[in-house]
Amino acid sequence: MARLTGKTALITGGTTGIGLATAKLFLQEGARVAITGQDVGRVTEAGAMLGANAIAIRADVSSASEMAAVAVRLKKEFGGLDIIFANAGIAKPMQFADVDEENINSQIDVNFKGVIYTIQKMLPILHKPASIILTSTTLTEQGFAGMSMYSATKAAVRSLARTLSAELIGQGVRVNVISPGPIETPIYGKMGMSAEALQQMAGMVLGAVPAGRFGQAEEVAKAVLFLASDDSSYILGEDLLVDGGMAMI
């Protein structure tokens, strides 16, 4: 039997990359899925691609009111949620000496406050038991020049998961983290870097990956599925690295 039959899931940042790959896999495993994204065009396109068992919603995770509205809609459409995959995130590489207020605030707003609002506003509609998965990064395990704000916000997500695990397990809610390494996703094209700079960064990153290649979004999605399903029923507060050995070898 499919592992998510009868389950409902919300995936933020679900229009591209890891989020979209996870939405497809969840649907294959029997779930009904809602995805969110900020770009209207991508939201529409992803919704059409995913089909009748999916809902695509334009919403900004950094807005408490917009995420509250998402919760109202999902209560009406799904009756509640079994799974939250708080995946939305942005990366804006910048040397620390050049980091400005916009760079700091934009990444905190999406990467950290966005996770808080997503979970907080969905808690009242969570079925019990439930599974929450947060996206962090393997960069919380090691230093990478130019990624100070991104890494710091994702480390905050990792810390939040530990606290939430302690707070919510009594309600039957498990919280875990997925930490991808270098994955072939559109996030690199959204960093505001030149093609030459991106190529140079890719070469540096690839040299640090023992597996010798970039990962695929589908590989991360399979790890998320494990944490979302009953296969991981005795796992909470965990940080699952999907990084080709980058952080540990």
C-alpha atoms as a PDB file:
ATOM      1  CA  MET A   1       0.000   0.000   0.000  1.00  0.00           C
ATOM      2  CA  ALA A   2       1.133   3.558  -0.677  1.00  0.00           C
ATOM      3  CA  ARG A   3       2.795   5.076   2.365  1.00  0.00           C
ATOM      4  CA  LEU A   4       0.709   8.260   2.526  1.00  0.00           C
ATOM      5  CA  THR A   5      -2.729   6.955   1.600  1.00  0.00           C
ATOM      6  CA  GLY A   6      -5.407   9.161   3.149  1.00  0.00           C
ATOM      7  CA  LYS A   7      -2.884  11.761   4.332  1.00  0.00           C
ATOM      8  CA  THR A   8      -2.878  15.482   3.606  1.00  0.00           C
ATOM      9  CA  ALA A   9       0.268  17.565   3.287  1.00  0.00           C
ATOM     10  CA  LEU A  10       1.367  21.178   2.964  1.00  0.00           C
ATOM     11  CA  ILE A  11       4.643  21.925   1.193  1.00  0.00           C
ATOM     12  CA  THR A  12       5.904  25.500   1.230  1.00  0.00           C
ATOM     13  CA  GLY A  13       8.285  26.455  -1.545  1.00  0.00           C
ATOM     14  CA  GLY A  14       6.560  23.739  -3.536  1.00  0.00           C
ATOM     15  CA  THR A  15       6.672  25.147  -7.055  1.00  0.00           C
ATOM     16  CA  THR A  16      10.231  24.163  -7.989  1.00  0.00           C
ATOM     17  CA  GLY A  17      13.173  22.019  -6.937  1.00  0.00           C
ATOM     18  CA  ILE A  18      12.957  19.914  -3.793  1.00  0.00           C
ATOM     19  CA  GLY A  19       9.468  21.129  -2.919  1.00  0.00           C
ATOM     20  CA  LEU A  20       7.985  20.222  -6.287  1.00  0.00           C
ATOM     21  CA  ALA A  21       9.769  16.863  -6.392  1.00  0.00           C
ATOM     22  CA  THR A  22       8.401  16.094  -2.928  1.00  0.00           C
ATOM     23  CA  ALA A  23       4.880  17.104  -3.942  1.00  0.00           C
ATOM     24  CA  LYS A  24       5.027  14.697  -6.891  1.00  0.00           C
ATOM     25  CA  LEU A  25       6.286  11.865  -4.691  1.00  0.00           C
ATOM     26  CA  PHE A  26       3.684  12.488  -1.987  1.00  0.00           C
ATOM     27  CA  LEU A  27       0.946  12.340  -4.624  1.00  0.00           C
ATOM     28  CA  GLN A  28       2.343   9.066  -5.941  1.00  0.00           C
ATOM     29  CA  GLU A  29       2.227   7.723  -2.387  1.00  0.00           C
ATOM     30  CA  GLY A  30      -1.463   8.530  -2.002  1.00  0.00           C
ATOM     31  CA  ALA A  31      -1.517  11.937  -0.303  1.00  0.00           C
ATOM     32  CA  ARG A  32      -3.478  15.026  -1.155  1.00  0.00           C
ATOM     33  CA  VAL A  33      -1.042  17.909  -1.355  1.00  0.00           C
ATOM     34  CA  ALA A  34      -1.116  21.692  -1.078  1.00  0.00           C
ATOM     35  CA  ILE A  35       1.868  23.704  -2.256  1.00  0.00           C
ATOM     36  CA  THR A  36       2.680  27.367  -1.807  1.00  0.00           C
ATOM     37  CA  GLY A  37       4.933  29.775  -3.650  1.00  0.00           C
ATOM     38  CA  GLN A  38       5.262  33.507  -4.209  1.00  0.00           C
ATOM     39  CA  ASP A  39       5.451  33.664  -8.002  1.00  0.00           C
ATOM     40  CA  VAL A  40       1.952  33.538  -9.508  1.00  0.00           C
ATOM     41  CA  GLY A  41       3.146  32.054 -12.787  1.00  0.00           C
ATOM     42  CA  ARG A  42       5.087  29.239 -11.151  1.00  0.00           C
ATOM     43  CA  VAL A  43       2.245  28.523  -8.737  1.00  0.00           C
ATOM     44  CA  THR A  44      -0.195  28.202 -11.630  1.00  0.00           C
ATOM     45  CA  GLU A  45       2.178  26.046 -13.665  1.00  0.00           C
ATOM     46  CA  ALA A  46       2.986  23.718 -10.776  1.00  0.00           C
ATOM     47  CA  GLY A  47      -0.671  23.348  -9.862  1.00  0.00           C
ATOM     48  CA  ALA A  48      -1.552  22.324 -13.404  1.00  0.00           C
ATOM     49  CA  MET A  49       1.349  19.855 -13.459  1.00  0.00           C
ATOM     50  CA  LEU A  50       0.381  18.202 -10.166  1.00  0.00           C
ATOM     51  CA  GLY A  51      -3.254  17.645 -11.062  1.00  0.00           C
ATOM     52  CA  ALA A  52      -6.567  17.194  -9.296  1.00  0.00           C
ATOM     53  CA  ASN A  53      -5.277  15.950  -5.930  1.00  0.00           C
ATOM     54  CA  ALA A  54      -3.164  19.062  -5.422  1.00  0.00           C
ATOM     55  CA  ILE A  55      -3.924  22.655  -4.481  1.00  0.00           C
ATOM     56  CA  ALA A  56      -1.511  25.419  -5.479  1.00  0.00           C
ATOM     57  CA  ILE A  57      -1.687  28.613  -3.411  1.00  0.00           C
ATOM     58  CA  ARG A  58       0.169  31.881  -3.901  1.00  0.00           C
ATOM     59  CA  ALA A  59       1.345  32.858  -0.439  1.00  0.00           C
ATOM     60  CA  ASP A  60       4.298  34.573   1.211  1.00  0.00           C
ATOM     61  CA  VAL A  61       5.571  32.466   4.115  1.00  0.00           C
ATOM     62  CA  SER A  62       7.075  35.558   5.745  1.00  0.00           C
ATOM     63  CA  SER A  63       3.564  36.982   6.202  1.00  0.00           C
ATOM     64  CA  ALA A  64       1.728  35.704   9.278  1.00  0.00           C
ATOM     65  CA  SER A  65      -1.614  36.838   7.872  1.00  0.00           C
ATOM     66  CA  GLU A  66      -1.095  35.097   4.538  1.00  0.00           C
ATOM     67  CA  MET A  67      -0.145  31.828   6.237  1.00  0.00           C
ATOM     68  CA  ALA A  68      -3.186  32.142   8.493  1.00  0.00           C
ATOM     69  CA  ALA A  69      -5.296  32.443   5.343  1.00  0.00           C
ATOM     70  CA  VAL A  70      -3.638  29.306   3.957  1.00  0.00           C
ATOM     71  CA  ALA A  71      -4.640  27.448   7.128  1.00  0.00           C
ATOM     72  CA  VAL A  72      -8.253  28.565   6.758  1.00  0.00           C
ATOM     73  CA  ARG A  73      -8.337  27.360   3.168  1.00  0.00           C
ATOM     74  CA  LEU A  74      -6.744  24.004   3.953  1.00  0.00           C
ATOM     75  CA  LYS A  75      -9.149  23.410   6.827  1.00  0.00           C
ATOM     76  CA  LYS A  76     -11.975  23.943   4.353  1.00  0.00           C
ATOM     77  CA  GLU A  77     -10.446  21.947   1.475  1.00  0.00           C
ATOM     78  CA  PHE A  78      -8.736  19.101   3.364  1.00  0.00           C
ATOM     79  CA  GLY A  79     -10.344  19.145   6.795  1.00  0.00           C
ATOM     80  CA  GLY A  80      -6.879  19.443   8.313  1.00  0.00           C
ATOM     81  CA  LEU A  81      -3.271  18.389   7.782  1.00  0.00           C
ATOM     82  CA  ASP A  82      -1.176  15.335   8.598  1.00  0.00           C
ATOM     83  CA  ILE A  83       2.154  16.569   7.218  1.00  0.00           C
ATOM     84  CA  ILE A  84       3.908  19.935   7.018  1.00  0.00           C
ATOM     85  CA  PHE A  85       7.055  20.300   4.941  1.00  0.00           C
ATOM     86  CA  ALA A  86       8.349  23.809   5.705  1.00  0.00           C
ATOM     87  CA  ASN A  87      10.684  24.025   2.756  1.00  0.00           C
ATOM     88  CA  ALA A  88      10.532  27.594   1.441  1.00  0.00           C
ATOM     89  CA  GLY A  89      13.896  29.325   1.530  1.00  0.00           C
ATOM     90  CA  ILE A  90      16.182  31.784  -0.208  1.00  0.00           C
ATOM     91  CA  ALA A  91      19.953  32.157  -0.411  1.00  0.00           C
ATOM     92  CA  LYS A  92      21.732  35.449  -1.060  1.00  0.00           C
ATOM     93  CA  PRO A  93      25.500  34.860  -1.009  1.00  0.00           C
ATOM     94  CA  MET A  94      27.525  37.859   0.132  1.00  0.00           C
ATOM     95  CA  GLN A  95      30.855  38.353   1.833  1.00  0.00           C
ATOM     96  CA  PHE A  96      30.323  39.199   5.493  1.00  0.00           C
ATOM     97  CA  ALA A  97      31.905  42.655   5.222  1.00  0.00           C
ATOM     98  CA  ASP A  98      29.339  43.578   2.566  1.00  0.00           C
ATOM     99  CA  VAL A  99      26.245  42.165   4.269  1.00  0.00           C
ATOM    100  CA  ASP A 100      23.592  44.858   4.551  1.00  0.00           C
ATOM    101  CA  GLU A 101      20.211  45.186   6.210  1.00  0.00           C
ATOM    102  CA  GLU A 102      18.302  43.916   3.182  1.00  0.00           C
ATOM    103  CA  ASN A 103      20.470  40.817   2.928  1.00  0.00           C
ATOM    104  CA  ILE A 104      19.979  40.045   6.611  1.00  0.00           C
ATOM    105  CA  ASN A 105      16.270  40.786   6.848  1.00  0.00           C
ATOM    106  CA  SER A 106      15.183  39.082   3.633  1.00  0.00           C
ATOM    107  CA  GLN A 107      16.806  35.785   4.597  1.00  0.00           C
ATOM    108  CA  ILE A 108      15.575  35.929   8.191  1.00  0.00           C
ATOM    109  CA  ASP A 109      12.066  36.733   6.949  1.00  0.00           C
ATOM    110  CA  VAL A 110      11.800  33.745   4.618  1.00  0.00           C
ATOM    111  CA  ASN A 111      14.178  31.177   6.070  1.00  0.00           C
ATOM    112  CA  PHE A 112      13.340  31.563   9.754  1.00  0.00           C
ATOM    113  CA  LYS A 113      10.201  33.625  10.293  1.00  0.00           C
ATOM    114  CA  GLY A 114       8.619  31.797   7.367  1.00  0.00           C
ATOM    115  CA  VAL A 115       9.128  28.472   9.130  1.00  0.00           C
ATOM    116  CA  ILE A 116       7.714  29.872  12.370  1.00  0.00           C
ATOM    117  CA  TYR A 117       4.579  31.248  10.708  1.00  0.00           C
ATOM    118  CA  THR A 118       4.041  28.100   8.667  1.00  0.00           C
ATOM    119  CA  ILE A 119       4.088  25.838  11.707  1.00  0.00           C
ATOM    120  CA  GLN A 120       2.330  28.215  14.084  1.00  0.00           C
ATOM    121  CA  LYS A 121      -0.608  28.901  11.776  1.00  0.00           C
ATOM    122  CA  MET A 122      -1.027  25.240  10.774  1.00  0.00           C
ATOM    123  CA  LEU A 123      -0.873  23.793  14.307  1.00  0.00           C
ATOM    124  CA  PRO A 124      -4.603  24.306  14.979  1.00  0.00           C
ATOM    125  CA  ILE A 125      -5.523  22.229  11.907  1.00  0.00           C
ATOM    126  CA  LEU A 126      -2.989  19.432  12.429  1.00  0.00           C
ATOM    127  CA  HIS A 127      -4.373  15.950  12.865  1.00  0.00           C
ATOM    128  CA  LYS A 128      -2.761  13.779  15.520  1.00  0.00           C
ATOM    129  CA  PRO A 129      -0.393  12.090  15.016  1.00  0.00           C
ATOM    130  CA  ALA A 130       1.360  14.389  12.560  1.00  0.00           C
ATOM    131  CA  SER A 131       4.795  14.923  11.076  1.00  0.00           C
ATOM    132  CA  ILE A 132       6.584  18.226  10.514  1.00  0.00           C
ATOM    133  CA  ILE A 133       9.735  18.384   8.399  1.00  0.00           C
ATOM    134  CA  LEU A 134      11.894  21.513   8.206  1.00  0.00           C
ATOM    135  CA  THR A 135      14.483  22.242   5.530  1.00  0.00           C
ATOM    136  CA  SER A 136      17.880  23.327   6.826  1.00  0.00           C
ATOM    137  CA  THR A 137      21.232  22.862   5.058  1.00  0.00           C
ATOM    138  CA  THR A 138      24.431  20.892   5.380  1.00  0.00           C
ATOM    139  CA  LEU A 139      26.196  24.278   5.629  1.00  0.00           C
ATOM    140  CA  THR A 140      25.197  24.445   9.293  1.00  0.00           C
ATOM    141  CA  GLU A 141      27.812  21.719   9.828  1.00  0.00           C
ATOM    142  CA  GLN A 142      30.716  23.581   8.205  1.00  0.00           C
ATOM    143  CA  GLY A 143      31.773  27.057   7.181  1.00  0.00           C
ATOM    144  CA  PHE A 144      31.371  28.205   3.585  1.00  0.00           C
ATOM    145  CA  ALA A 145      32.584  31.683   2.638  1.00  0.00           C
ATOM    146  CA  GLY A 146      29.891  34.108   1.555  1.00  0.00           C
ATOM    147  CA  MET A 147      27.033  32.149   3.126  1.00  0.00           C
ATOM    148  CA  SER A 148      27.038  33.591   6.655  1.00  0.00           C
ATOM    149  CA  MET A 149      23.453  34.846   6.759  1.00  0.00           C
ATOM    150  CA  TYR A 150      21.999  31.848   4.923  1.00  0.00           C
ATOM    151  CA  SER A 151      23.825  29.402   7.170  1.00  0.00           C
ATOM    152  CA  ALA A 152      22.854  31.305  10.319  1.00  0.00           C
ATOM    153  CA  THR A 153      19.157  31.354   9.446  1.00  0.00           C
ATOM    154  CA  LYS A 154      19.226  27.648   8.650  1.00  0.00           C
ATOM    155  CA  ALA A 155      21.046  26.902  11.911  1.00  0.00           C
ATOM    156  CA  ALA A 156      18.198  28.705  13.655  1.00  0.00           C
ATOM    157  CA  VAL A 157      15.781  26.345  11.916  1.00  0.00           C
ATOM    158  CA  ARG A 158      17.766  23.375  13.196  1.00  0.00           C
ATOM    159  CA  SER A 159      17.649  24.734  16.739  1.00  0.00           C
ATOM    160  CA  LEU A 160      13.924  25.438  16.459  1.00  0.00           C
ATOM    161  CA  ALA A 161      13.301  21.822  15.476  1.00  0.00           C
ATOM    162  CA  ARG A 162      14.845  20.569  18.710  1.00  0.00           C
ATOM    163  CA  THR A 163      12.680  22.843  20.839  1.00  0.00           C
ATOM    164  CA  LEU A 164       9.522  22.064  18.892  1.00  0.00           C
ATOM    165  CA  SER A 165      10.251  18.354  19.186  1.00  0.00           C
ATOM    166  CA  ALA A 166      10.193  18.716  22.968  1.00  0.00           C
ATOM    167  CA  GLU A 167       7.085  20.909  22.960  1.00  0.00           C
ATOM    168  CA  LEU A 168       4.937  19.016  20.473  1.00  0.00           C
ATOM    169  CA  ILE A 169       5.670  15.320  20.988  1.00  0.00           C
ATOM    170  CA  GLY A 170       3.135  15.275  23.827  1.00  0.00           C
ATOM    171  CA  GLN A 171       0.525  16.230  21.230  1.00  0.00           C
ATOM    172  CA  GLY A 172       1.595  13.427  18.910  1.00  0.00           C
ATOM    173  CA  VAL A 173       3.521  15.709  16.556  1.00  0.00           C
ATOM    174  CA  ARG A 174       7.009  14.718  15.419  1.00  0.00           C
ATOM    175  CA  VAL A 175       9.442  17.379  14.161  1.00  0.00           C
ATOM    176  CA  ASN A 176      12.512  16.523  12.098  1.00  0.00           C
ATOM    177  CA  VAL A 177      14.937  18.301   9.796  1.00  0.00           C
ATOM    178  CA  ILE A 178      16.193  17.523   6.320  1.00  0.00           C
ATOM    179  CA  SER A 179      19.545  19.113   5.457  1.00  0.00           C
ATOM    180  CA  PRO A 180      20.376  18.962   1.750  1.00  0.00           C
ATOM    181  CA  GLY A 181      23.849  19.487   0.411  1.00  0.00           C
ATOM    182  CA  PRO A 182      24.541  20.639  -3.160  1.00  0.00           C
ATOM    183  CA  ILE A 183      21.377  19.759  -5.083  1.00  0.00           C
ATOM    184  CA  GLU A 184      20.584  20.615  -8.691  1.00  0.00           C
ATOM    185  CA  THR A 185      17.695  23.014  -8.094  1.00  0.00           C
ATOM    186  CA  PRO A 186      16.672  26.486  -9.355  1.00  0.00           C
ATOM    187  CA  ILE A 187      17.790  28.109  -6.077  1.00  0.00           C
ATOM    188  CA  TYR A 188      21.242  28.690  -7.572  1.00  0.00           C
ATOM    189  CA  GLY A 189      19.749  30.714 -10.407  1.00  0.00           C
ATOM    190  CA  LYS A 190      17.965  32.921  -7.863  1.00  0.00           C
ATOM    191  CA  MET A 191      21.101  33.949  -5.994  1.00  0.00           C
ATOM    192  CA  GLY A 192      21.735  37.041  -8.095  1.00  0.00           C
ATOM    193  CA  MET A 193      25.196  35.859  -9.146  1.00  0.00           C
ATOM    194  CA  SER A 194      26.730  35.998 -12.616  1.00  0.00           C
ATOM    195  CA  ALA A 195      26.983  32.804 -14.655  1.00  0.00           C
ATOM    196  CA  GLU A 196      30.756  32.882 -14.207  1.00  0.00           C
ATOM    197  CA  ALA A 197      30.486  33.270 -10.431  1.00  0.00           C
ATOM    198  CA  LEU A 198      27.925  30.466 -10.252  1.00  0.00           C
ATOM    199  CA  GLN A 199      30.182  28.174 -12.262  1.00  0.00           C
ATOM    200  CA  GLN A 200      33.125  28.975 -10.009  1.00  0.00           C
ATOM    201  CA  MET A 201      31.069  28.330  -6.883  1.00  0.00           C
ATOM    202  CA  ALA A 202      29.748  25.059  -8.313  1.00  0.00           C
ATOM    203  CA  GLY A 203      33.297  23.870  -8.916  1.00  0.00           C
ATOM    204  CA  MET A 204      34.322  24.701  -5.357  1.00  0.00           C
ATOM    205  CA  VAL A 205      31.286  22.980  -3.891  1.00  0.00           C
ATOM    206  CA  LEU A 206      31.620  19.884  -6.041  1.00  0.00           C
ATOM    207  CA  GLY A 207      35.208  19.460  -4.930  1.00  0.00           C
ATOM    208  CA  ALA A 208      33.990  19.187  -1.334  1.00  0.00           C
ATOM    209  CA  VAL A 209      31.449  16.416  -2.022  1.00  0.00           C
ATOM    210  CA  PRO A 210      32.838  12.896  -1.534  1.00  0.00           C
ATOM    211  CA  ALA A 211      30.089  11.476  -3.756  1.00  0.00           C
ATOM    212  CA  GLY A 212      31.587  13.517  -6.602  1.00  0.00           C
ATOM    213  CA  ARG A 213      28.338  14.925  -7.945  1.00  0.00           C
ATOM    214  CA  PHE A 214      25.421  17.188  -7.213  1.00  0.00           C
ATOM    215  CA  GLY A 215      22.358  15.509  -5.768  1.00  0.00           C
ATOM    216  CA  GLN A 216      18.959  15.404  -7.414  1.00  0.00           C
ATOM    217  CA  ALA A 217      15.807  16.900  -5.933  1.00  0.00           C
ATOM    218  CA  GLU A 218      14.150  13.494  -6.166  1.00  0.00           C
ATOM    219  CA  GLU A 219      16.795  12.025  -3.851  1.00  0.00           C
ATOM    220  CA  VAL A 220      15.963  14.586  -1.183  1.00  0.00           C
ATOM    221  CA  ALA A 221      12.236  14.006  -1.716  1.00  0.00           C
ATOM    222  CA  LYS A 222      12.665  10.326  -0.836  1.00  0.00           C
ATOM    223  CA  ALA A 223      14.265  11.300   2.466  1.00  0.00           C
ATOM    224  CA  VAL A 224      11.409  13.717   3.180  1.00  0.00           C
ATOM    225  CA  LEU A 225       8.921  10.934   2.418  1.00  0.00           C
ATOM    226  CA  PHE A 226      10.623   8.721   4.989  1.00  0.00           C
ATOM    227  CA  LEU A 227      10.325  11.410   7.684  1.00  0.00           C
ATOM    228  CA  ALA A 228       6.717  12.150   6.708  1.00  0.00           C
ATOM    229  CA  SER A 229       5.606   8.525   6.803  1.00  0.00           C
ATOM    230  CA  ASP A 230       5.025   6.068   9.620  1.00  0.00           C
ATOM    231  CA  ASP A 231       8.329   4.422   8.660  1.00  0.00           C
ATOM    232  CA  SER A 232       9.984   7.054  10.886  1.00  0.00           C
ATOM    233  CA  SER A 233       7.463   6.889  13.735  1.00  0.00           C
ATOM    234  CA  TYR A 234      10.180   6.602  16.425  1.00  0.00           C
ATOM    235  CA  ILE A 235      12.333   9.406  15.018  1.00  0.00           C
ATOM    236  CA  LEU A 236      12.053  12.993  16.230  1.00  0.00           C
ATOM    237  CA  GLY A 237      14.405  15.930  16.573  1.00  0.00           C
ATOM    238  CA  GLU A 238      16.646  14.343  13.958  1.00  0.00           C
ATOM    239  CA  ASP A 239      18.663  16.138  11.278  1.00  0.00           C
ATOM    240  CA  LEU A 240      18.921  13.935   8.202  1.00  0.00           C
ATOM    241  CA  LEU A 241      21.819  14.978   5.962  1.00  0.00           C
ATOM    242  CA  VAL A 242      21.328  14.383   2.240  1.00  0.00           C
ATOM    243  CA  ASP A 243      24.620  15.795   1.044  1.00  0.00           C
ATOM    244  CA  GLY A 244      26.751  13.128  -0.602  1.00  0.00           C
ATOM    245  CA  GLY A 245      28.917  12.911   2.515  1.00  0.00           C
ATOM    246  CA  MET A 246      29.903  16.590   2.382  1.00  0.00           C
ATOM    247  CA  ALA A 247      29.510  17.316   6.094  1.00  0.00           C
ATOM    248  CA  MET A 248      30.690  14.046   7.591  1.00  0.00           C
ATOM    249  CA  ILE A 249      33.518  12.721   5.419  1.00  0.00           C
END
